[in-house]
Each structure stands twice: as structure tokens, then as C-alpha cells.
C-alpha atoms as a PDB file:
ATOM      1  CA  MET A   1     -26.006  35.210   3.360  1.00  0.00           C
ATOM      2  CA  SER A   2     -27.431  33.385   5.733  1.00  0.00           C
ATOM      3  CA  GLY A   3     -25.150  30.979   7.958  1.00  0.00           C
ATOM      4  CA  ASN A   4     -28.355  28.190   7.708  1.00  0.00           C
ATOM      5  CA  THR A   5     -27.575  25.221   6.412  1.00  0.00           C
ATOM      6  CA  GLU A   6     -31.154  23.049   7.386  1.00  0.00           C
ATOM      7  CA  GLY A   7     -32.226  23.167   3.878  1.00  0.00           C
ATOM      8  CA  VAL A   8     -28.987  21.588   2.690  1.00  0.00           C
ATOM      9  CA  LEU A   9     -28.199  18.951   4.917  1.00  0.00           C
ATOM     10  CA  GLY A  10     -30.069  15.628   5.456  1.00  0.00           C
ATOM     11  CA  GLY A  11     -32.203  15.316   8.730  1.00  0.00           C
ATOM     12  CA  ASN A  12     -29.303  13.305   9.992  1.00  0.00           C
ATOM     13  CA  ALA A  13     -26.789  15.081   8.771  1.00  0.00           C
ATOM     14  CA  GLU A  14     -24.262  16.468  11.833  1.00  0.00           C
ATOM     15  CA  VAL A  15     -22.256  19.192  11.561  1.00  0.00           C
ATOM     16  CA  THR A  16     -18.418  19.507  13.004  1.00  0.00           C
ATOM     17  CA  LYS A  17     -16.283  22.376  13.007  1.00  0.00           C
ATOM     18  CA  GLY A  18     -13.111  24.001  14.237  1.00  0.00           C
ATOM     19  CA  GLU A  19     -11.298  21.901  17.230  1.00  0.00           C
ATOM     20  CA  HIS A  20     -13.648  18.631  16.926  1.00  0.00           C
ATOM     21  CA  ALA A  21     -13.664  18.104  13.110  1.00  0.00           C
ATOM     22  CA  ARG A  22      -9.759  18.401  13.768  1.00  0.00           C
ATOM     23  CA  MET A  23      -9.139  16.320  16.218  1.00  0.00           C
ATOM     24  CA  SER A  24     -11.768  13.809  14.822  1.00  0.00           C
ATOM     25  CA  SER A  25      -9.819  13.720  11.355  1.00  0.00           C
ATOM     26  CA  PHE A  26      -6.441  12.711  13.283  1.00  0.00           C
ATOM     27  CA  VAL A  27      -8.240  10.432  15.224  1.00  0.00           C
ATOM     28  CA  GLY A  28      -9.723   8.467  12.323  1.00  0.00           C
ATOM     29  CA  ALA A  29      -6.867   8.580   9.626  1.00  0.00           C
ATOM     30  CA  ILE A  30      -4.160   7.705  12.509  1.00  0.00           C
ATOM     31  CA  ALA A  31      -6.827   4.375  13.688  1.00  0.00           C
ATOM     32  CA  ILE A  32      -6.656   3.340   9.881  1.00  0.00           C
ATOM     33  CA  ALA A  33      -2.634   3.476   9.914  1.00  0.00           C
ATOM     34  CA  ASP A  34      -2.559   1.582  13.399  1.00  0.00           C
ATOM     35  CA  LEU A  35      -4.631  -1.292  11.871  1.00  0.00           C
ATOM     36  CA  VAL A  36      -2.373  -2.291   9.185  1.00  0.00           C
ATOM     37  CA  LYS A  37       1.019  -1.411  11.069  1.00  0.00           C
ATOM     38  CA  THR A  38       1.626  -4.656  12.574  1.00  0.00           C
ATOM     39  CA  THR A  39       1.236  -6.467   9.466  1.00  0.00           C
ATOM     40  CA  LEU A  40       4.222  -4.523   7.797  1.00  0.00           C
ATOM     41  CA  GLY A  41       7.346  -6.313   6.906  1.00  0.00           C
ATOM     42  CA  PRO A  42       9.196  -9.954   6.991  1.00  0.00           C
ATOM     43  CA  LYS A  43       8.035  -9.749  10.477  1.00  0.00           C
ATOM     44  CA  GLY A  44       4.662  -8.441  10.226  1.00  0.00           C
ATOM     45  CA  MET A  45       1.821 -10.600  11.552  1.00  0.00           C
ATOM     46  CA  ASP A  46      -1.584 -11.640   9.753  1.00  0.00           C
ATOM     47  CA  LYS A  47      -4.852 -10.444  10.151  1.00  0.00           C
ATOM     48  CA  ILE A  48      -8.615 -12.291  10.271  1.00  0.00           C
ATOM     49  CA  LEU A  49     -11.224 -10.672   8.701  1.00  0.00           C
ATOM     50  CA  GLN A  50     -14.969 -12.401   9.035  1.00  0.00           C
ATOM     51  CA  SER A  51     -17.118 -10.712   6.443  1.00  0.00           C
ATOM     52  CA  VAL A  52     -20.272  -9.903   8.503  1.00  0.00           C
ATOM     53  CA  SER A  53     -22.439  -8.669   5.587  1.00  0.00           C
ATOM     54  CA  ASP A  54     -24.105 -11.467   5.073  1.00  0.00           C
ATOM     55  CA  PRO A  55     -25.175 -13.964   7.743  1.00  0.00           C
ATOM     56  CA  ASN A  56     -25.433 -16.559   5.563  1.00  0.00           C
ATOM     57  CA  ASN A  57     -21.895 -16.455   3.857  1.00  0.00           C
ATOM     58  CA  MET A  58     -19.114 -15.221   7.121  1.00  0.00           C
ATOM     59  CA  ARG A  59     -16.325 -15.685   4.770  1.00  0.00           C
ATOM     60  CA  ILE A  60     -13.193 -15.975   6.699  1.00  0.00           C
ATOM     61  CA  THR A  61      -9.959 -14.278   5.012  1.00  0.00           C
ATOM     62  CA  ILE A  62      -6.529 -14.447   6.571  1.00  0.00           C
ATOM     63  CA  THR A  63      -3.988 -12.192   5.405  1.00  0.00           C
ATOM     64  CA  ASN A  64      -1.572  -9.494   5.668  1.00  0.00           C
ATOM     65  CA  ASP A  65      -1.874  -7.632   2.862  1.00  0.00           C
ATOM     66  CA  GLY A  66      -2.488  -4.120   3.361  1.00  0.00           C
ATOM     67  CA  ALA A  67      -4.805  -3.654   0.143  1.00  0.00           C
ATOM     68  CA  THR A  68      -6.965  -6.231   1.212  1.00  0.00           C
ATOM     69  CA  ILE A  69      -7.265  -5.232   4.562  1.00  0.00           C
ATOM     70  CA  LEU A  70      -8.521  -1.386   3.730  1.00  0.00           C
ATOM     71  CA  LYS A  71     -10.624  -2.834   1.091  1.00  0.00           C
ATOM     72  CA  ALA A  72     -12.646  -5.417   3.707  1.00  0.00           C
ATOM     73  CA  VAL A  73     -13.108  -2.212   6.455  1.00  0.00           C
ATOM     74  CA  PRO A  74     -16.323  -0.185   6.550  1.00  0.00           C
ATOM     75  CA  VAL A  75     -14.878   3.205   6.756  1.00  0.00           C
ATOM     76  CA  GLU A  76     -17.015   6.514   8.066  1.00  0.00           C
ATOM     77  CA  ASN A  77     -14.463   9.291   9.112  1.00  0.00           C
ATOM     78  CA  PRO A  78     -14.141  11.590   6.002  1.00  0.00           C
ATOM     79  CA  ALA A  79      -9.831  11.798   6.769  1.00  0.00           C
ATOM     80  CA  ALA A  80      -9.905   7.993   7.055  1.00  0.00           C
ATOM     81  CA  LYS A  81     -11.544   7.482   3.685  1.00  0.00           C
ATOM     82  CA  VAL A  82      -8.721  10.141   2.317  1.00  0.00           C
ATOM     83  CA  LEU A  83      -5.746   7.308   3.541  1.00  0.00           C
ATOM     84  CA  VAL A  84      -8.139   4.531   1.987  1.00  0.00           C
ATOM     85  CA  GLU A  85      -8.029   6.177  -1.323  1.00  0.00           C
ATOM     86  CA  ILE A  86      -4.321   6.727  -1.235  1.00  0.00           C
ATOM     87  CA  ALA A  87      -3.763   3.028  -0.803  1.00  0.00           C
ATOM     88  CA  LYS A  88      -6.112   2.140  -3.763  1.00  0.00           C
ATOM     89  CA  THR A  89      -3.857   4.626  -5.762  1.00  0.00           C
ATOM     90  CA  GLN A  90      -0.831   3.357  -4.700  1.00  0.00           C
ATOM     91  CA  ASP A  91      -1.942  -0.310  -5.468  1.00  0.00           C
ATOM     92  CA  ASP A  92      -3.516   0.312  -8.705  1.00  0.00           C
ATOM     93  CA  THR A  93      -0.478   2.613  -9.787  1.00  0.00           C
ATOM     94  CA  VAL A  94       2.405   0.457  -8.243  1.00  0.00           C
ATOM     95  CA  GLY A  95       0.661  -2.611  -6.773  1.00  0.00           C
ATOM     96  CA  ASP A  96       2.721  -2.946  -3.686  1.00  0.00           C
ATOM     97  CA  GLY A  97       3.541  -0.740  -1.180  1.00  0.00           C
ATOM     98  CA  THR A  98       0.200  -0.016   0.487  1.00  0.00           C
ATOM     99  CA  THR A  99       0.615  -0.755   3.715  1.00  0.00           C
ATOM    100  CA  SER A 100       3.965   1.197   4.006  1.00  0.00           C
ATOM    101  CA  VAL A 101       2.039   4.601   2.283  1.00  0.00           C
ATOM    102  CA  THR A 102      -0.608   4.123   4.432  1.00  0.00           C
ATOM    103  CA  VAL A 103       1.996   4.068   7.730  1.00  0.00           C
ATOM    104  CA  LEU A 104       4.094   6.602   6.744  1.00  0.00           C
ATOM    105  CA  CYS A 105       1.075   9.105   6.102  1.00  0.00           C
ATOM    106  CA  GLY A 106      -0.268   7.604   9.491  1.00  0.00           C
ATOM    107  CA  GLU A 107       2.761   8.785  11.086  1.00  0.00           C
ATOM    108  CA  LEU A 108       3.146  12.001   9.633  1.00  0.00           C
ATOM    109  CA  LEU A 109      -0.538  13.044  10.501  1.00  0.00           C
ATOM    110  CA  ARG A 110       0.966  11.754  14.380  1.00  0.00           C
ATOM    111  CA  GLU A 111       3.251  13.977  14.150  1.00  0.00           C
ATOM    112  CA  ALA A 112       1.258  16.778  12.716  1.00  0.00           C
ATOM    113  CA  GLU A 113      -1.672  16.571  15.516  1.00  0.00           C
ATOM    114  CA  PHE A 114       1.385  17.166  18.102  1.00  0.00           C
ATOM    115  CA  LEU A 115       2.601  20.231  15.785  1.00  0.00           C
ATOM    116  CA  VAL A 116      -0.979  21.584  15.842  1.00  0.00           C
ATOM    117  CA  ASN A 117      -1.723  21.030  19.671  1.00  0.00           C
ATOM    118  CA  GLN A 118       1.672  23.466  20.085  1.00  0.00           C
ATOM    119  CA  ARG A 119      -0.801  25.869  18.205  1.00  0.00           C
ATOM    120  CA  ILE A 120       1.360  26.115  14.664  1.00  0.00           C
ATOM    121  CA  HIS A 121      -0.952  26.570  12.130  1.00  0.00           C
ATOM    122  CA  PRO A 122      -1.653  23.791   9.494  1.00  0.00           C
ATOM    123  CA  MET A 123      -0.361  25.444   6.472  1.00  0.00           C
ATOM    124  CA  THR A 124       2.980  25.972   8.302  1.00  0.00           C
ATOM    125  CA  ILE A 125       3.240  22.173   8.692  1.00  0.00           C
ATOM    126  CA  VAL A 126       2.402  21.443   5.290  1.00  0.00           C
ATOM    127  CA  ALA A 127       4.983  24.101   3.692  1.00  0.00           C
ATOM    128  CA  GLY A 128       8.120  22.135   6.310  1.00  0.00           C
ATOM    129  CA  TRP A 129       6.204  18.335   4.722  1.00  0.00           C
ATOM    130  CA  ARG A 130       6.977  19.909   1.317  1.00  0.00           C
ATOM    131  CA  GLN A 131      10.321  21.341   2.065  1.00  0.00           C
ATOM    132  CA  ALA A 132      10.819  17.676   3.406  1.00  0.00           C
ATOM    133  CA  VAL A 133       9.430  16.224  -0.002  1.00  0.00           C
ATOM    134  CA  ALA A 134      12.005  18.192  -1.961  1.00  0.00           C
ATOM    135  CA  ILE A 135      15.096  17.352   0.719  1.00  0.00           C
ATOM    136  CA  ALA A 136      14.076  13.469   0.413  1.00  0.00           C
ATOM    137  CA  ARG A 137      14.433  13.957  -3.358  1.00  0.00           C
ATOM    138  CA  SER A 138      17.786  15.240  -3.454  1.00  0.00           C
ATOM    139  CA  ALA A 139      18.908  12.850  -1.226  1.00  0.00           C
ATOM    140  CA  LEU A 140      17.380   9.619  -3.370  1.00  0.00           C
ATOM    141  CA  ASP A 141      19.064  10.832  -6.603  1.00  0.00           C
ATOM    142  CA  SER A 142      22.011  11.366  -4.556  1.00  0.00           C
ATOM    143  CA  ALA A 143      22.315   7.906  -3.695  1.00  0.00           C
ATOM    144  CA  ALA A 144      20.770   6.192  -6.942  1.00  0.00           C
ATOM    145  CA  VAL A 145      22.966   4.007  -8.970  1.00  0.00           C
ATOM    146  CA  ASP A 146      22.312   3.179 -12.780  1.00  0.00           C
ATOM    147  CA  ASN A 147      22.884  -0.017 -13.780  1.00  0.00           C
ATOM    148  CA  SER A 148      21.196  -0.313 -16.626  1.00  0.00           C
ATOM    149  CA  ALA A 149      24.523  -0.316 -18.771  1.00  0.00           C
ATOM    150  CA  ASP A 150      25.800  -3.525 -16.898  1.00  0.00           C
ATOM    151  CA  GLU A 151      23.531  -6.268 -17.842  1.00  0.00           C
ATOM    152  CA  ALA A 152      24.711  -8.576 -15.081  1.00  0.00           C
ATOM    153  CA  ALA A 153      24.469  -5.720 -12.623  1.00  0.00           C
ATOM    154  CA  PHE A 154      21.561  -4.504 -13.889  1.00  0.00           C
ATOM    155  CA  ARG A 155      19.482  -8.046 -13.139  1.00  0.00           C
ATOM    156  CA  THR A 156      21.140  -8.347  -9.626  1.00  0.00           C
ATOM    157  CA  ASP A 157      19.523  -5.025  -8.505  1.00  0.00           C
ATOM    158  CA  LEU A 158      16.075  -6.288  -9.807  1.00  0.00           C
ATOM    159  CA  LEU A 159      16.350  -9.690  -8.476  1.00  0.00           C
ATOM    160  CA  ASN A 160      17.248  -7.645  -4.824  1.00  0.00           C
ATOM    161  CA  ILE A 161      14.108  -5.631  -5.398  1.00  0.00           C
ATOM    162  CA  ALA A 162      12.090  -8.563  -6.546  1.00  0.00           C
ATOM    163  CA  ARG A 163      13.365 -10.335  -3.246  1.00  0.00           C
ATOM    164  CA  THR A 164      12.398  -7.137  -0.834  1.00  0.00           C
ATOM    165  CA  THR A 165       8.949  -6.885  -2.423  1.00  0.00           C
ATOM    166  CA  LEU A 166       8.488 -10.869  -1.804  1.00  0.00           C
ATOM    167  CA  SER A 167       9.816 -10.435   2.132  1.00  0.00           C
ATOM    168  CA  SER A 168       6.259 -10.012   3.793  1.00  0.00           C
ATOM    169  CA  LYS A 169       4.418 -12.504   1.134  1.00  0.00           C
ATOM    170  CA  LEU A 170       3.415 -16.187   2.391  1.00  0.00           C
ATOM    171  CA  LEU A 171       5.576 -17.104  -0.294  1.00  0.00           C
ATOM    172  CA  ASN A 172       8.676 -15.943   1.283  1.00  0.00           C
ATOM    173  CA  VAL A 173      10.249 -19.218   1.834  1.00  0.00           C
ATOM    174  CA  GLU A 174      10.391 -19.346  -2.186  1.00  0.00           C
ATOM    175  CA  LYS A 175      11.362 -15.837  -2.353  1.00  0.00           C
ATOM    176  CA  ASP A 176      14.775 -16.867  -4.631  1.00  0.00           C
ATOM    177  CA  HIS A 177      12.351 -18.963  -7.394  1.00  0.00           C
ATOM    178  CA  PHE A 178       9.581 -16.345  -7.511  1.00  0.00           C
ATOM    179  CA  ALA A 179      11.853 -13.460  -7.865  1.00  0.00           C
ATOM    180  CA  THR A 180      13.925 -15.054 -10.639  1.00  0.00           C
ATOM    181  CA  LEU A 181      10.489 -15.737 -12.722  1.00  0.00           C
ATOM    182  CA  ALA A 182       9.043 -12.227 -11.935  1.00  0.00           C
ATOM    183  CA  VAL A 183      12.727 -10.710 -12.924  1.00  0.00           C
ATOM    184  CA  ASP A 184      12.940 -13.093 -16.422  1.00  0.00           C
ATOM    185  CA  ALA A 185       9.726 -11.984 -16.712  1.00  0.00           C
ATOM    186  CA  VAL A 186      10.126  -8.042 -16.805  1.00  0.00           C
ATOM    187  CA  LEU A 187      13.649  -8.559 -18.856  1.00  0.00           C
ATOM    188  CA  ARG A 188      11.651 -10.293 -21.784  1.00  0.00           C
ATOM    189  CA  LEU A 189       9.207  -7.408 -21.951  1.00  0.00           C
ATOM    190  CA  ARG A 190      12.525  -4.630 -22.410  1.00  0.00           C
ATOM    191  CA  GLY A 191       9.790  -2.299 -21.718  1.00  0.00           C
ATOM    192  CA  SER A 192       7.400  -3.482 -24.180  1.00  0.00           C
ATOM    193  CA  GLY A 193       3.825  -3.551 -22.944  1.00  0.00           C
ATOM    194  CA  ASN A 194       2.902  -6.200 -24.922  1.00  0.00           C
ATOM    195  CA  LEU A 195       2.416  -9.323 -22.181  1.00  0.00           C
ATOM    196  CA  ASP A 196       2.382 -11.992 -25.044  1.00  0.00           C
ATOM    197  CA  TYR A 197       6.009 -12.160 -24.516  1.00  0.00           C
ATOM    198  CA  ILE A 198       5.068 -13.838 -21.458  1.00  0.00           C
ATOM    199  CA  GLN A 199       3.736 -17.099 -21.081  1.00  0.00           C
ATOM    200  CA  VAL A 200       3.275 -19.601 -18.068  1.00  0.00           C
ATOM    201  CA  ARG A 201       2.936 -23.371 -18.822  1.00  0.00           C
ATOM    202  CA  ALA A 202       2.407 -25.781 -16.958  1.00  0.00           C
ATOM    203  CA  HIS A 203       4.236 -29.266 -16.732  1.00  0.00           C
ATOM    204  CA  GLU A 204       2.803 -32.261 -15.480  1.00  0.00           C
ATOM    205  CA  GLU A 205       5.341 -35.222 -14.836  1.00  0.00           C
ATOM    206  CA  GLU A 206       4.106 -38.700 -17.279  1.00  0.00           C
ATOM    207  CA  LYS A 207       4.219 -41.712 -14.839  1.00  0.00           C
ATOM    208  CA  GLY A 208       6.048 -44.187 -16.120  1.00  0.00           C
ATOM    209  CA  GLY A 209       7.629 -41.785 -19.115  1.00  0.00           C
ATOM    210  CA  GLY A 210       9.239 -39.244 -17.235  1.00  0.00           C
ATOM    211  CA  GLY A 211       8.649 -36.098 -19.634  1.00  0.00           C
ATOM    212  CA  GLY A 212       7.422 -32.937 -19.171  1.00  0.00           C
ATOM    213  CA  ARG A 213       4.447 -32.114 -20.877  1.00  0.00           C
ATOM    214  CA  GLY A 214       3.457 -28.572 -21.409  1.00  0.00           C
ATOM    215  CA  GLY A 215      -0.093 -27.503 -21.337  1.00  0.00           C
END
């Protein structure tokens, strides 16, 4: 079998193999993680994104949301693209944690790069990660507390989760209010997927009357 790829790849295609391909993957994926790392947590900083695709519409976006940043950044590196897809999957499935999962993957790859440079086979590193996943899950299961039978404690747990989620958002100064709204909505659903149970109404203060009017 011939190893000639001229009839398969286009004229502008480049083939990178071995050590160069591996290092390129490390560099690209870690760069994506470093891009969003500074936005993580309540002390995270905002990024200014400027669209350059249309010279007549130089739109500027200021955000610290990892999903928004990763969607706006053009990526060519294959490993970096995988990292972006992982973040998108996290956003579509959970709706939060895109920055955290990107930074975690980046740090794992950073450590993997060090181990590969020590001549440790990639499959050995993967096997170690799988063992670490099993140990981490076991530790989380042993530390977990189920308060679903205690309505007051369960509500407190949900409020704490909501506050933590909102700590890195722009509305963190009103996180108690919005956490309460979110928890009330979740508890109203009671596991149902029918969003008709949740209604959002706008109230306007009538001049002179002082009454609320649902809209």
C-alpha cells in the first residue's frame, strides 16, 4: 500500500505527524483554556470582543461568559476545536460551567504535556485519568448529602447552588433576589418539563393609583 497522499489531500493541505502534531495539539488547546481562565469566578475579568468579519458592522461585546467568548473566537487548531466543542456540549446540556470545564481540560493537558515530555506513553496517561475519575466520583458520592426529604433544607441547598452560579454574573449584586426567583421556578415545576407552570409578568406602577398591573 502506497503512503502517497497527494491524490487525497488538497493542494494547500499540510500533514503534521509525530512530535510536531502532538505539540501543536497541546499548544492550541492550552491557549484556548488560557484565553478564558481570567474570566473564571466572582473575581473574573471581562473580555472585550470586536467583530472584524464585517467592516461595516464593527460590533463590540463585553462579557465574561465562557460560552460567548468561545463562540466568537475563530479556531483552526484541531485540538482547540475539540475543547470548544466540549464547552458547547457543557453549555447545551447544563447551561453553565463552560469556563470551568475548559480550564479543567486545559490544566489536564498541561500536565499531560509534562508527562509526555518525560517519555510516558499517552495511553498510560489516559489510564491514569480514568482511575482519577473513578476516585473523584467515589469521593463525591461519599461527601454528598441528600436533603430531598427535608423541604426547608432542600430549598436552602438549591438557593446556595443558585447563588454560587450567579456569583460570576453581572447581576451578582442582586444574586439573592434572582436565586430566589430561580428556586421558586424550579420547585414549582416539581420535576415536570411543562414550562407553563412558570409565568413571568411585568408590573407597572400606575401614576396616582399606586396599584400594580399585570402585563
